[in-house]
Amino acid sequence: MYDIIPDIHGQSEKLTARLTSLGYRSRTGAWRHSDPWRQVLFLGDFVDRGPNNAEVIDIVRRMIDCGTACAVMGNHELNAIHFHTKDPDNGTWLRPHSAKNAEQHASFLAEFPVDAALTKDVIDWMKTLPLFIEQKGFRVVHACWEQCTIAALADETDDGRLSEDQLILTGKPGEKLCELAEITTKGPETTLPAGCSFRDKGGHERTEMRLQWWKGTAKTWADLAISVPDLSSLPTDDFPEHVARTVYPADAVPVFFGHYWLSGAPTLQAPNALCLDYSAGKDGPLVAYRLEDANAPLDLSNLVTD
């Protein structure tokens, strides 16, 4: 049996409360369930935004070390790795230390300053996290399970775990591994047909659109759109084959993911796709899913929200 927990973002009190509600207790140095076969699957994004990055990381690491949890890498872990790693070719930080990037990373930096020994230890741990996990009957990923992307990562990595050299490449735009890691941890975007664009909620004209990749029955551009205020501005024809390849098949095994900062009442994104991120990094709940039978259909009654 698995308990699937999404983006925590430094909210250690929410994490310990959720583990407690799921029946885990802190014993002999780690959180454990009385059922030795029960394990947590974490969906990444352990850091940034919340005040207790170190405590969250300590809980997760101890659980992984003792076998009561496993985890995938989120975009905030990948960003942290790049923020604290220099390009060996030119000595610059893979993620520039701009004011914007430093602000996004501020709560982590308050506990883990650049170049501190403790910071290096935590970043080295983040580097061990895989980008995806596939079990019999279900899958977990942080932001997007695009089958061709996952297949390429599986071919080039050790069960989704990137080597040191590969992690360097994920921080270099234009490199194949950078694109693969971006899709998996941040979600896919696609360029609209020539001459097509839309205005976002800020009034800015956009020619690239984020995709609801989980909608296996989607046919049109409007079906796949995320954050497009006026769907009538999109092309009315069916999307092309290269976009269709990004869509999660309606007959594929269930996939669990986080990343998307949802709000309101939890719902299935598709009969075989469930996002569990309901903005716990701010004022939302840390939602979890009890997966008792990997062969059973996804069921909202298995959600734990309070």
C-alpha atoms as a PDB file:
ATOM      1  CA  MET A   1       0.000   0.000   0.000  1.00  0.00           C
ATOM      2  CA  TYR A   2       1.223   3.477  -0.884  1.00  0.00           C
ATOM      3  CA  ASP A   3       0.403   6.924   0.442  1.00  0.00           C
ATOM      4  CA  ILE A   4       1.138   9.526  -2.222  1.00  0.00           C
ATOM      5  CA  ILE A   5       2.068  13.012  -0.985  1.00  0.00           C
ATOM      6  CA  PRO A   6       2.718  15.976  -3.314  1.00  0.00           C
ATOM      7  CA  ASP A   7       4.509  19.316  -3.083  1.00  0.00           C
ATOM      8  CA  ILE A   8       5.351  20.242   0.546  1.00  0.00           C
ATOM      9  CA  HIS A   9       7.417  23.413  -0.029  1.00  0.00           C
ATOM     10  CA  GLY A  10       8.971  23.719   3.404  1.00  0.00           C
ATOM     11  CA  GLN A  11       5.697  23.255   5.308  1.00  0.00           C
ATOM     12  CA  SER A  12       6.921  20.763   7.901  1.00  0.00           C
ATOM     13  CA  GLU A  13       3.895  21.157  10.182  1.00  0.00           C
ATOM     14  CA  LYS A  14       1.565  20.192   7.336  1.00  0.00           C
ATOM     15  CA  LEU A  15       3.812  17.232   6.540  1.00  0.00           C
ATOM     16  CA  THR A  16       3.905  15.854  10.083  1.00  0.00           C
ATOM     17  CA  ALA A  17       0.156  16.389  10.472  1.00  0.00           C
ATOM     18  CA  ARG A  18      -0.523  14.522   7.221  1.00  0.00           C
ATOM     19  CA  LEU A  19       1.813  11.656   8.113  1.00  0.00           C
ATOM     20  CA  THR A  20       0.079  11.382  11.478  1.00  0.00           C
ATOM     21  CA  SER A  21      -3.378  11.336   9.869  1.00  0.00           C
ATOM     22  CA  LEU A  22      -2.202   8.536   7.580  1.00  0.00           C
ATOM     23  CA  GLY A  23      -1.096   6.443  10.546  1.00  0.00           C
ATOM     24  CA  TYR A  24       2.659   7.091  10.524  1.00  0.00           C
ATOM     25  CA  ARG A  25       4.597   7.789  13.721  1.00  0.00           C
ATOM     26  CA  SER A  26       8.163   8.927  14.367  1.00  0.00           C
ATOM     27  CA  ARG A  27       9.954   5.893  15.805  1.00  0.00           C
ATOM     28  CA  THR A  28      13.647   4.998  16.053  1.00  0.00           C
ATOM     29  CA  GLY A  29      14.769   7.932  13.961  1.00  0.00           C
ATOM     30  CA  ALA A  30      12.183   7.957  11.160  1.00  0.00           C
ATOM     31  CA  TRP A  31       8.467   8.134  10.412  1.00  0.00           C
ATOM     32  CA  ARG A  32       7.065   4.623  10.003  1.00  0.00           C
ATOM     33  CA  HIS A  33       3.690   2.965   9.652  1.00  0.00           C
ATOM     34  CA  SER A  34       2.640   0.041  11.834  1.00  0.00           C
ATOM     35  CA  ASP A  35       2.123  -1.872   8.580  1.00  0.00           C
ATOM     36  CA  PRO A  36       5.675  -2.631   7.366  1.00  0.00           C
ATOM     37  CA  TRP A  37       4.446  -2.886   3.770  1.00  0.00           C
ATOM     38  CA  ARG A  38       3.067   0.662   3.717  1.00  0.00           C
ATOM     39  CA  GLN A  39       5.223   3.339   2.104  1.00  0.00           C
ATOM     40  CA  VAL A  40       4.990   7.010   1.139  1.00  0.00           C
ATOM     41  CA  LEU A  41       5.624   8.144  -2.423  1.00  0.00           C
ATOM     42  CA  PHE A  42       6.654  11.811  -2.436  1.00  0.00           C
ATOM     43  CA  LEU A  43       6.098  13.825  -5.624  1.00  0.00           C
ATOM     44  CA  GLY A  44       8.935  16.331  -5.161  1.00  0.00           C
ATOM     45  CA  ASP A  45       9.087  20.086  -4.453  1.00  0.00           C
ATOM     46  CA  PHE A  46      10.194  19.739  -0.845  1.00  0.00           C
ATOM     47  CA  VAL A  47      11.752  23.210  -0.686  1.00  0.00           C
ATOM     48  CA  ASP A  48      11.126  26.948  -1.198  1.00  0.00           C
ATOM     49  CA  ARG A  49       8.199  29.127  -0.120  1.00  0.00           C
ATOM     50  CA  GLY A  50       7.606  27.573   3.321  1.00  0.00           C
ATOM     51  CA  PRO A  51       9.686  28.288   6.453  1.00  0.00           C
ATOM     52  CA  ASN A  52      11.044  24.831   7.354  1.00  0.00           C
ATOM     53  CA  ASN A  53      12.977  23.435   4.409  1.00  0.00           C
ATOM     54  CA  ALA A  54      15.546  21.676   6.604  1.00  0.00           C
ATOM     55  CA  GLU A  55      12.942  19.861   8.688  1.00  0.00           C
ATOM     56  CA  VAL A  56      11.035  18.678   5.610  1.00  0.00           C
ATOM     57  CA  ILE A  57      14.213  17.392   3.979  1.00  0.00           C
ATOM     58  CA  ASP A  58      15.293  15.652   7.181  1.00  0.00           C
ATOM     59  CA  ILE A  59      11.952  13.837   7.496  1.00  0.00           C
ATOM     60  CA  VAL A  60      11.934  12.754   3.849  1.00  0.00           C
ATOM     61  CA  ARG A  61      15.586  11.657   3.834  1.00  0.00           C
ATOM     62  CA  ARG A  62      15.192   9.585   6.970  1.00  0.00           C
ATOM     63  CA  MET A  63      12.105   7.883   5.559  1.00  0.00           C
ATOM     64  CA  ILE A  64      13.851   7.061   2.287  1.00  0.00           C
ATOM     65  CA  ASP A  65      16.929   5.783   4.124  1.00  0.00           C
ATOM     66  CA  CYS A  66      14.892   3.400   6.276  1.00  0.00           C
ATOM     67  CA  GLY A  67      12.695   2.219   3.401  1.00  0.00           C
ATOM     68  CA  THR A  68       9.389   3.820   4.415  1.00  0.00           C
ATOM     69  CA  ALA A  69       9.365   6.251   1.484  1.00  0.00           C
ATOM     70  CA  CYS A  70      10.651   6.969  -1.977  1.00  0.00           C
ATOM     71  CA  ALA A  71      10.487  10.178  -3.971  1.00  0.00           C
ATOM     72  CA  VAL A  72      10.840  11.844  -7.357  1.00  0.00           C
ATOM     73  CA  MET A  73      12.573  15.132  -8.119  1.00  0.00           C
ATOM     74  CA  GLY A  74      10.499  18.282  -8.535  1.00  0.00           C
ATOM     75  CA  ASN A  75      11.365  21.419 -10.456  1.00  0.00           C
ATOM     76  CA  HIS A  76      12.335  23.168  -7.220  1.00  0.00           C
ATOM     77  CA  GLU A  77      14.932  20.487  -6.479  1.00  0.00           C
ATOM     78  CA  LEU A  78      16.230  20.743 -10.045  1.00  0.00           C
ATOM     79  CA  ASN A  79      16.330  24.543  -9.764  1.00  0.00           C
ATOM     80  CA  ALA A  80      18.179  24.260  -6.446  1.00  0.00           C
ATOM     81  CA  ILE A  81      20.754  21.901  -7.939  1.00  0.00           C
ATOM     82  CA  HIS A  82      21.373  24.371 -10.766  1.00  0.00           C
ATOM     83  CA  PHE A  83      21.431  27.393  -8.417  1.00  0.00           C
ATOM     84  CA  HIS A  84      24.174  25.770  -6.319  1.00  0.00           C
ATOM     85  CA  THR A  85      26.184  24.180  -9.151  1.00  0.00           C
ATOM     86  CA  LYS A  86      28.677  25.892 -11.441  1.00  0.00           C
ATOM     87  CA  ASP A  87      29.130  25.109 -15.107  1.00  0.00           C
ATOM     88  CA  PRO A  88      32.535  23.366 -15.298  1.00  0.00           C
ATOM     89  CA  ASP A  89      33.085  24.892 -18.733  1.00  0.00           C
ATOM     90  CA  ASN A  90      32.925  28.553 -17.699  1.00  0.00           C
ATOM     91  CA  GLY A  91      32.543  28.743 -13.906  1.00  0.00           C
ATOM     92  CA  THR A  92      29.147  30.437 -13.952  1.00  0.00           C
ATOM     93  CA  TRP A  93      26.168  29.217 -11.944  1.00  0.00           C
ATOM     94  CA  LEU A  94      23.892  26.959 -13.976  1.00  0.00           C
ATOM     95  CA  ARG A  95      20.921  28.894 -12.593  1.00  0.00           C
ATOM     96  CA  PRO A  96      21.909  32.584 -12.523  1.00  0.00           C
ATOM     97  CA  HIS A  97      21.879  34.280  -9.116  1.00  0.00           C
ATOM     98  CA  SER A  98      19.544  37.000 -10.344  1.00  0.00           C
ATOM     99  CA  ALA A  99      17.270  38.918  -8.000  1.00  0.00           C
ATOM    100  CA  LYS A 100      14.258  37.011  -9.348  1.00  0.00           C
ATOM    101  CA  ASN A 101      15.834  33.575  -8.893  1.00  0.00           C
ATOM    102  CA  ALA A 102      17.169  34.442  -5.443  1.00  0.00           C
ATOM    103  CA  GLU A 103      13.730  35.663  -4.359  1.00  0.00           C
ATOM    104  CA  GLN A 104      12.102  32.420  -5.511  1.00  0.00           C
ATOM    105  CA  HIS A 105      14.753  30.479  -3.572  1.00  0.00           C
ATOM    106  CA  ALA A 106      14.826  32.783  -0.518  1.00  0.00           C
ATOM    107  CA  SER A 107      13.379  30.470   2.134  1.00  0.00           C
ATOM    108  CA  PHE A 108      15.841  27.720   1.196  1.00  0.00           C
ATOM    109  CA  LEU A 109      18.780  30.137   1.166  1.00  0.00           C
ATOM    110  CA  ALA A 110      17.830  31.365   4.649  1.00  0.00           C
ATOM    111  CA  GLU A 111      18.584  27.856   5.941  1.00  0.00           C
ATOM    112  CA  PHE A 112      21.117  26.709   3.352  1.00  0.00           C
ATOM    113  CA  PRO A 113      23.469  29.507   2.244  1.00  0.00           C
ATOM    114  CA  VAL A 114      25.441  29.196  -0.973  1.00  0.00           C
ATOM    115  CA  ASP A 115      28.665  27.172  -0.569  1.00  0.00           C
ATOM    116  CA  ALA A 116      27.910  26.057   3.017  1.00  0.00           C
ATOM    117  CA  ALA A 117      28.881  22.463   3.830  1.00  0.00           C
ATOM    118  CA  LEU A 118      25.309  21.652   4.911  1.00  0.00           C
ATOM    119  CA  THR A 119      24.010  23.032   1.627  1.00  0.00           C
ATOM    120  CA  LYS A 120      26.371  20.841  -0.385  1.00  0.00           C
ATOM    121  CA  ASP A 121      25.176  17.778   1.527  1.00  0.00           C
ATOM    122  CA  VAL A 122      21.512  18.541   0.795  1.00  0.00           C
ATOM    123  CA  ILE A 123      22.164  19.328  -2.860  1.00  0.00           C
ATOM    124  CA  ASP A 124      24.093  16.062  -3.202  1.00  0.00           C
ATOM    125  CA  TRP A 125      21.049  14.268  -1.776  1.00  0.00           C
ATOM    126  CA  MET A 126      18.706  16.010  -4.216  1.00  0.00           C
ATOM    127  CA  LYS A 127      20.887  14.758  -7.067  1.00  0.00           C
ATOM    128  CA  THR A 128      20.026  11.160  -6.123  1.00  0.00           C
ATOM    129  CA  LEU A 129      16.292  11.616  -6.737  1.00  0.00           C
ATOM    130  CA  PRO A 130      14.875  10.053  -9.912  1.00  0.00           C
ATOM    131  CA  LEU A 131      12.750  12.044 -12.349  1.00  0.00           C
ATOM    132  CA  PHE A 132      10.028   9.381 -12.437  1.00  0.00           C
ATOM    133  CA  ILE A 133       8.949   6.111 -10.849  1.00  0.00           C
ATOM    134  CA  GLU A 134       6.992   3.380 -12.587  1.00  0.00           C
ATOM    135  CA  GLN A 135       5.428   0.618 -10.530  1.00  0.00           C
ATOM    136  CA  LYS A 136       3.206  -2.247 -11.594  1.00  0.00           C
ATOM    137  CA  GLY A 137      -0.145  -0.657 -12.313  1.00  0.00           C
ATOM    138  CA  PHE A 138       0.678   3.047 -11.776  1.00  0.00           C
ATOM    139  CA  ARG A 139       3.192   5.844 -12.319  1.00  0.00           C
ATOM    140  CA  VAL A 140       4.388   8.921 -10.426  1.00  0.00           C
ATOM    141  CA  VAL A 141       6.106  12.036 -11.728  1.00  0.00           C
ATOM    142  CA  HIS A 142       6.331  15.631 -10.582  1.00  0.00           C
ATOM    143  CA  ALA A 143       4.741  17.510 -13.489  1.00  0.00           C
ATOM    144  CA  CYS A 144       4.324  15.490 -16.693  1.00  0.00           C
ATOM    145  CA  TRP A 145       4.415  11.898 -17.886  1.00  0.00           C
ATOM    146  CA  GLU A 146       4.979  12.321 -21.612  1.00  0.00           C
ATOM    147  CA  GLN A 147       5.687   8.832 -22.836  1.00  0.00           C
ATOM    148  CA  CYS A 148       8.297   9.690 -25.468  1.00  0.00           C
ATOM    149  CA  THR A 149      10.110  11.883 -22.923  1.00  0.00           C
ATOM    150  CA  ILE A 150      10.034   9.205 -20.226  1.00  0.00           C
ATOM    151  CA  ALA A 151      11.236   6.605 -22.739  1.00  0.00           C
ATOM    152  CA  ALA A 152      14.170   8.818 -23.715  1.00  0.00           C
ATOM    153  CA  LEU A 153      15.080   9.389 -20.062  1.00  0.00           C
ATOM    154  CA  ALA A 154      14.817   5.665 -19.348  1.00  0.00           C
ATOM    155  CA  ASP A 155      17.242   4.974 -22.209  1.00  0.00           C
ATOM    156  CA  GLU A 156      19.787   7.548 -21.046  1.00  0.00           C
ATOM    157  CA  THR A 157      19.621   7.318 -17.255  1.00  0.00           C
ATOM    158  CA  ASP A 158      19.779   4.790 -14.441  1.00  0.00           C
ATOM    159  CA  ASP A 159      16.068   4.299 -13.642  1.00  0.00           C
ATOM    160  CA  GLY A 160      15.470   8.005 -14.092  1.00  0.00           C
ATOM    161  CA  ARG A 161      18.454   9.068 -11.968  1.00  0.00           C
ATOM    162  CA  LEU A 162      20.792  11.530 -13.619  1.00  0.00           C
ATOM    163  CA  SER A 163      24.566  11.295 -13.353  1.00  0.00           C
ATOM    164  CA  GLU A 164      26.624  14.322 -12.328  1.00  0.00           C
ATOM    165  CA  ASP A 165      27.475  15.067 -15.964  1.00  0.00           C
ATOM    166  CA  GLN A 166      23.849  14.665 -16.997  1.00  0.00           C
ATOM    167  CA  LEU A 167      22.697  17.059 -14.281  1.00  0.00           C
ATOM    168  CA  ILE A 168      25.079  19.655 -15.727  1.00  0.00           C
ATOM    169  CA  LEU A 169      23.467  19.185 -19.142  1.00  0.00           C
ATOM    170  CA  THR A 170      19.964  19.653 -17.699  1.00  0.00           C
ATOM    171  CA  GLY A 171      21.025  23.175 -16.776  1.00  0.00           C
ATOM    172  CA  LYS A 172      22.067  24.095 -20.321  1.00  0.00           C
ATOM    173  CA  PRO A 173      19.232  25.234 -22.630  1.00  0.00           C
ATOM    174  CA  GLY A 174      19.479  23.593 -26.014  1.00  0.00           C
ATOM    175  CA  GLU A 175      20.740  20.291 -24.653  1.00  0.00           C
ATOM    176  CA  LYS A 176      18.429  17.320 -25.149  1.00  0.00           C
ATOM    177  CA  LEU A 177      18.537  16.380 -21.449  1.00  0.00           C
ATOM    178  CA  CYS A 178      17.612  19.935 -20.500  1.00  0.00           C
ATOM    179  CA  GLU A 179      14.441  19.701 -22.580  1.00  0.00           C
ATOM    180  CA  LEU A 180      13.566  16.251 -21.225  1.00  0.00           C
ATOM    181  CA  ALA A 181      14.033  17.341 -17.593  1.00  0.00           C
ATOM    182  CA  GLU A 182      12.070  20.557 -18.160  1.00  0.00           C
ATOM    183  CA  ILE A 183       9.069  18.690 -19.570  1.00  0.00           C
ATOM    184  CA  THR A 184       9.089  16.126 -16.756  1.00  0.00           C
ATOM    185  CA  THR A 185       9.487  18.579 -13.862  1.00  0.00           C
ATOM    186  CA  LYS A 186       7.697  21.662 -15.234  1.00  0.00           C
ATOM    187  CA  GLY A 187       5.210  20.390 -17.813  1.00  0.00           C
ATOM    188  CA  PRO A 188       5.045  20.745 -21.603  1.00  0.00           C
ATOM    189  CA  GLU A 189       4.451  23.777 -23.766  1.00  0.00           C
ATOM    190  CA  THR A 190       3.951  23.907 -27.506  1.00  0.00           C
ATOM    191  CA  THR A 191       4.140  26.620 -30.139  1.00  0.00           C
ATOM    192  CA  LEU A 192       0.853  27.576 -31.752  1.00  0.00           C
ATOM    193  CA  PRO A 193       0.537  27.430 -35.541  1.00  0.00           C
ATOM    194  CA  ALA A 194       2.083  30.318 -37.467  1.00  0.00           C
ATOM    195  CA  GLY A 195       0.054  33.487 -37.145  1.00  0.00           C
ATOM    196  CA  CYS A 196      -1.835  32.295 -34.044  1.00  0.00           C
ATOM    197  CA  SER A 197      -1.514  33.800 -30.576  1.00  0.00           C
ATOM    198  CA  PHE A 198      -3.512  34.621 -27.448  1.00  0.00           C
ATOM    199  CA  ARG A 199      -3.371  37.196 -24.675  1.00  0.00           C
ATOM    200  CA  ASP A 200      -2.715  35.920 -21.177  1.00  0.00           C
ATOM    201  CA  LYS A 201      -4.412  37.262 -18.054  1.00  0.00           C
ATOM    202  CA  GLY A 202      -1.796  40.026 -17.879  1.00  0.00           C
ATOM    203  CA  GLY A 203      -2.572  41.145 -21.416  1.00  0.00           C
ATOM    204  CA  HIS A 204       0.681  39.840 -22.872  1.00  0.00           C
ATOM    205  CA  GLU A 205       0.566  38.251 -26.311  1.00  0.00           C
ATOM    206  CA  ARG A 206       1.688  34.604 -26.303  1.00  0.00           C
ATOM    207  CA  THR A 207       2.508  32.218 -29.105  1.00  0.00           C
ATOM    208  CA  GLU A 208       3.339  29.258 -26.820  1.00  0.00           C
ATOM    209  CA  MET A 209       0.689  27.438 -24.801  1.00  0.00           C
ATOM    210  CA  ARG A 210       0.919  25.205 -21.743  1.00  0.00           C
ATOM    211  CA  LEU A 211      -0.791  21.872 -22.198  1.00  0.00           C
ATOM    212  CA  GLN A 212      -3.210  19.772 -20.183  1.00  0.00           C
ATOM    213  CA  TRP A 213      -1.165  16.750 -21.190  1.00  0.00           C
ATOM    214  CA  TRP A 214      -3.326  14.405 -19.076  1.00  0.00           C
ATOM    215  CA  LYS A 215      -6.443  14.827 -21.235  1.00  0.00           C
ATOM    216  CA  GLY A 216      -6.284  11.643 -23.254  1.00  0.00           C
ATOM    217  CA  THR A 217      -9.562  12.348 -25.032  1.00  0.00           C
ATOM    218  CA  ALA A 218      -8.556  15.849 -26.171  1.00  0.00           C
ATOM    219  CA  LYS A 219      -8.924  16.659 -29.868  1.00  0.00           C
ATOM    220  CA  THR A 220      -8.705  20.445 -30.228  1.00  0.00           C
ATOM    221  CA  TRP A 221      -6.328  23.174 -29.091  1.00  0.00           C
ATOM    222  CA  ALA A 222      -8.981  24.442 -26.674  1.00  0.00           C
ATOM    223  CA  ASP A 223      -9.230  20.988 -25.079  1.00  0.00           C
ATOM    224  CA  LEU A 224      -5.547  21.147 -24.119  1.00  0.00           C
ATOM    225  CA  ALA A 225      -5.227  24.802 -23.124  1.00  0.00           C
ATOM    226  CA  ILE A 226      -4.045  25.959 -19.691  1.00  0.00           C
ATOM    227  CA  SER A 227      -4.231  29.629 -18.650  1.00  0.00           C
ATOM    228  CA  VAL A 228      -5.786  30.863 -21.878  1.00  0.00           C
ATOM    229  CA  PRO A 229      -8.508  33.374 -20.863  1.00  0.00           C
ATOM    230  CA  ASP A 230     -10.206  33.453 -24.255  1.00  0.00           C
ATOM    231  CA  LEU A 231     -10.342  29.995 -25.810  1.00  0.00           C
ATOM    232  CA  SER A 232     -11.938  31.442 -28.939  1.00  0.00           C
ATOM    233  CA  SER A 233      -8.556  32.989 -29.792  1.00  0.00           C
ATOM    234  CA  LEU A 234      -7.090  29.516 -30.335  1.00  0.00           C
ATOM    235  CA  PRO A 235      -7.130  27.616 -33.641  1.00  0.00           C
ATOM    236  CA  THR A 236     -10.369  25.721 -34.202  1.00  0.00           C
ATOM    237  CA  ASP A 237      -8.817  22.783 -36.026  1.00  0.00           C
ATOM    238  CA  ASP A 238      -7.473  19.625 -34.396  1.00  0.00           C
ATOM    239  CA  PHE A 239      -3.946  19.823 -33.020  1.00  0.00           C
ATOM    240  CA  PRO A 240      -1.188  18.155 -35.072  1.00  0.00           C
ATOM    241  CA  GLU A 241       0.463  14.787 -34.509  1.00  0.00           C
ATOM    242  CA  HIS A 242       3.520  16.173 -32.708  1.00  0.00           C
ATOM    243  CA  VAL A 243       1.195  17.680 -30.081  1.00  0.00           C
ATOM    244  CA  ALA A 244      -0.889  14.503 -29.910  1.00  0.00           C
ATOM    245  CA  ARG A 245       2.254  12.595 -28.889  1.00  0.00           C
ATOM    246  CA  THR A 246       2.442  14.657 -25.683  1.00  0.00           C
ATOM    247  CA  VAL A 247      -1.038  13.602 -24.532  1.00  0.00           C
ATOM    248  CA  TYR A 248      -1.359  10.837 -21.958  1.00  0.00           C
ATOM    249  CA  PRO A 249      -3.282   7.920 -23.502  1.00  0.00           C
ATOM    250  CA  ALA A 250      -6.766   7.341 -22.150  1.00  0.00           C
ATOM    251  CA  ASP A 251      -6.005   3.620 -21.792  1.00  0.00           C
ATOM    252  CA  ALA A 252      -2.674   4.032 -19.948  1.00  0.00           C
ATOM    253  CA  VAL A 253      -2.224   3.041 -16.297  1.00  0.00           C
ATOM    254  CA  PRO A 254      -3.012   5.734 -13.690  1.00  0.00           C
ATOM    255  CA  VAL A 255      -0.474   8.509 -13.200  1.00  0.00           C
ATOM    256  CA  PHE A 256      -0.092  10.703 -10.097  1.00  0.00           C
ATOM    257  CA  PHE A 257       1.556  14.124 -10.214  1.00  0.00           C
ATOM    258  CA  GLY A 258       1.783  17.480  -8.435  1.00  0.00           C
ATOM    259  CA  HIS A 259       3.171  20.868  -9.530  1.00  0.00           C
ATOM    260  CA  TYR A 260       0.057  22.693 -10.739  1.00  0.00           C
ATOM    261  CA  TRP A 261      -1.058  24.647  -7.633  1.00  0.00           C
ATOM    262  CA  LEU A 262      -4.724  23.732  -7.904  1.00  0.00           C
ATOM    263  CA  SER A 263      -7.459  25.097  -5.643  1.00  0.00           C
ATOM    264  CA  GLY A 264     -11.029  24.233  -4.768  1.00  0.00           C
ATOM    265  CA  ALA A 265     -12.475  20.763  -4.372  1.00  0.00           C
ATOM    266  CA  PRO A 266     -10.091  18.017  -5.573  1.00  0.00           C
ATOM    267  CA  THR A 267     -11.112  16.294  -8.769  1.00  0.00           C
ATOM    268  CA  LEU A 268      -9.729  13.798 -11.245  1.00  0.00           C
ATOM    269  CA  GLN A 269      -7.945  15.401 -14.176  1.00  0.00           C
ATOM    270  CA  ALA A 270      -8.864  12.292 -16.187  1.00  0.00           C
ATOM    271  CA  PRO A 271     -10.075   8.816 -15.266  1.00  0.00           C
ATOM    272  CA  ASN A 272      -6.409   7.748 -15.184  1.00  0.00           C
ATOM    273  CA  ALA A 273      -4.697  10.983 -14.090  1.00  0.00           C
ATOM    274  CA  LEU A 274      -4.718  12.750 -10.723  1.00  0.00           C
ATOM    275  CA  CYS A 275      -2.960  15.934  -9.638  1.00  0.00           C
ATOM    276  CA  LEU A 276      -2.545  16.133  -5.865  1.00  0.00           C
ATOM    277  CA  ASP A 277      -1.029  19.630  -5.525  1.00  0.00           C
ATOM    278  CA  TYR A 278      -3.576  21.935  -3.882  1.00  0.00           C
ATOM    279  CA  SER A 279      -1.206  24.756  -2.931  1.00  0.00           C
ATOM    280  CA  ALA A 280       0.089  23.436   0.396  1.00  0.00           C
ATOM    281  CA  GLY A 281       3.116  25.688  -0.085  1.00  0.00           C
ATOM    282  CA  LYS A 282       0.837  28.629   0.701  1.00  0.00           C
ATOM    283  CA  ASP A 283      -2.572  28.330   2.339  1.00  0.00           C
ATOM    284  CA  GLY A 284      -3.891  25.146   0.747  1.00  0.00           C
ATOM    285  CA  PRO A 285      -4.111  21.652   2.249  1.00  0.00           C
ATOM    286  CA  LEU A 286      -1.490  18.944   1.854  1.00  0.00           C
ATOM    287  CA  VAL A 287      -3.632  16.426  -0.012  1.00  0.00           C
ATOM    288  CA  ALA A 288      -2.675  12.734  -0.066  1.00  0.00           C
ATOM    289  CA  TYR A 289      -3.959   9.665  -1.861  1.00  0.00           C
ATOM    290  CA  ARG A 290      -4.219   6.204  -0.305  1.00  0.00           C
ATOM    291  CA  LEU A 291      -3.383   3.712  -3.025  1.00  0.00           C
ATOM    292  CA  GLU A 292      -4.501   0.351  -1.685  1.00  0.00           C
ATOM    293  CA  ASP A 293      -5.045  -1.466  -5.000  1.00  0.00           C
ATOM    294  CA  ALA A 294      -3.001  -0.425  -8.025  1.00  0.00           C
ATOM    295  CA  ASN A 295      -5.402  -2.336 -10.271  1.00  0.00           C
ATOM    296  CA  ALA A 296      -8.483  -0.436  -9.100  1.00  0.00           C
ATOM    297  CA  PRO A 297      -9.772   2.710 -10.869  1.00  0.00           C
ATOM    298  CA  LEU A 298      -8.826   6.059  -9.369  1.00  0.00           C
ATOM    299  CA  ASP A 299     -11.340   6.978  -6.685  1.00  0.00           C
ATOM    300  CA  LEU A 300     -11.664  10.374  -5.001  1.00  0.00           C
ATOM    301  CA  SER A 301     -12.818   8.633  -1.818  1.00  0.00           C
ATOM    302  CA  ASN A 302      -9.159   7.595  -1.356  1.00  0.00           C
ATOM    303  CA  LEU A 303      -8.092  11.231  -0.994  1.00  0.00           C
ATOM    304  CA  VAL A 304      -7.069  12.520   2.440  1.00  0.00           C
ATOM    305  CA  THR A 305      -7.620  16.267   2.656  1.00  0.00           C
ATOM    306  CA  ASP A 306      -8.059  17.122   6.348  1.00  0.00           C
END
